[in-house]
Structures are given as C-alpha cells and as structure tokens.
Amino acid sequence: MRITVFRRLMTEEFGRIRATTLMSDHVISELGGKTPEQALEAGLPAKDIWRAVCAEFDVPRERR
C-alpha cells in the first residue's frame, strides 16, 4: 500500500482533523508503542500500520 493511499484511507475513515491528530498523537501498542506517523518514519509498511489502526479503532472489515 502506498503512503498516499494510507493517508487517504485515514482521512476517509476518521475525517481530516481527527486523522491528523491520530497520526501524530495516538500510540498503538501493535506498532511497538509508536504513533502511526512514527511507524511510517521507522519504515513499517503502510498496510501493516493501516491494519493496526483498524484493529485499534474497530474499523468494520469492509472498510479495512
């Protein structure tokens, strides 16, 4: 998954403002205690980050 697709999915699911906040402020244990932004910077695949976000926020399967 491209990072641009990941960011688009975040915005579609959470809205622009909340997605921005989640990216920079919400620590997810499945990402090794990193925020999604930190995980991207650390080189984790965007698809894995999206899956972790979906699990953390119970995103319905059809939108994952």
Protein backbone atom coordinates (compact mmCIF):
# COMPACT_ATOMS: atom_id res chain seq x y z
CA MET A 1 0.00 0.00 0.00
CA ARG A 2 1.33 3.43 -0.90
CA ILE A 3 1.59 6.03 1.84
CA THR A 4 -0.73 8.32 -0.12
CA VAL A 5 -3.39 5.58 -0.12
CA PHE A 6 -2.88 5.06 3.61
CA ARG A 7 -3.33 8.77 4.30
CA ARG A 8 -6.44 8.88 2.11
CA LEU A 9 -7.95 5.92 3.97
CA MET A 10 -7.20 7.61 7.30
CA THR A 11 -8.94 10.79 6.15
CA GLU A 12 -11.93 8.91 4.75
CA GLU A 13 -12.37 6.87 7.92
CA PHE A 14 -11.72 9.49 10.59
CA GLY A 15 -12.05 12.88 8.91
CA ARG A 16 -9.18 15.24 8.14
CA ILE A 17 -8.71 16.74 11.60
CA ARG A 18 -9.07 13.54 13.61
CA ALA A 19 -6.87 11.60 11.18
CA THR A 20 -4.13 14.20 11.55
CA THR A 21 -4.39 14.02 15.34
CA LEU A 22 -4.39 10.21 15.40
CA MET A 23 -1.35 10.09 13.12
CA SER A 24 0.74 12.26 15.41
CA ASP A 25 -0.65 11.63 18.91
CA HIS A 26 -2.17 8.16 19.27
CA VAL A 27 0.32 5.50 20.38
CA ILE A 28 -0.58 1.98 19.25
CA SER A 29 0.95 -0.96 21.09
CA GLU A 30 0.76 -3.17 17.99
CA LEU A 31 3.14 -0.69 16.34
CA GLY A 32 5.70 -1.12 19.10
CA GLY A 33 4.43 1.83 21.12
CA LYS A 34 4.70 4.21 18.17
CA THR A 35 2.22 6.60 16.64
CA PRO A 36 1.25 5.84 13.03
CA GLU A 37 3.46 8.74 11.90
CA GLN A 38 6.44 7.40 13.85
CA ALA A 39 5.80 3.94 12.42
CA LEU A 40 5.87 5.33 8.88
CA GLU A 41 9.10 7.20 9.64
CA ALA A 42 10.58 3.97 11.05
CA GLY A 43 9.86 2.24 7.75
CA LEU A 44 6.97 0.00 8.75
CA PRO A 45 4.77 -0.89 5.78
CA ALA A 46 1.74 1.37 5.41
CA LYS A 47 -0.52 -1.67 5.05
CA ASP A 48 0.61 -3.01 8.44
CA ILE A 49 0.03 0.38 10.03
CA TRP A 50 -3.45 0.59 8.49
CA ARG A 51 -4.28 -2.88 9.87
CA ALA A 52 -3.10 -1.84 13.34
CA VAL A 53 -5.18 1.36 13.21
CA CYS A 54 -8.22 -0.63 12.06
CA ALA A 55 -7.81 -3.10 14.91
CA GLU A 56 -7.30 -0.33 17.47
CA PHE A 57 -10.44 1.54 16.42
CA ASP A 58 -12.64 -1.43 15.41
CA VAL A 59 -12.96 -0.30 11.80
CA PRO A 60 -15.51 -2.58 10.11
CA ARG A 61 -13.98 -5.31 7.96
CA GLU A 62 -15.50 -3.96 4.73
CA ARG A 63 -13.55 -0.70 5.17
CA ARG A 64 -10.21 -2.29 6.02
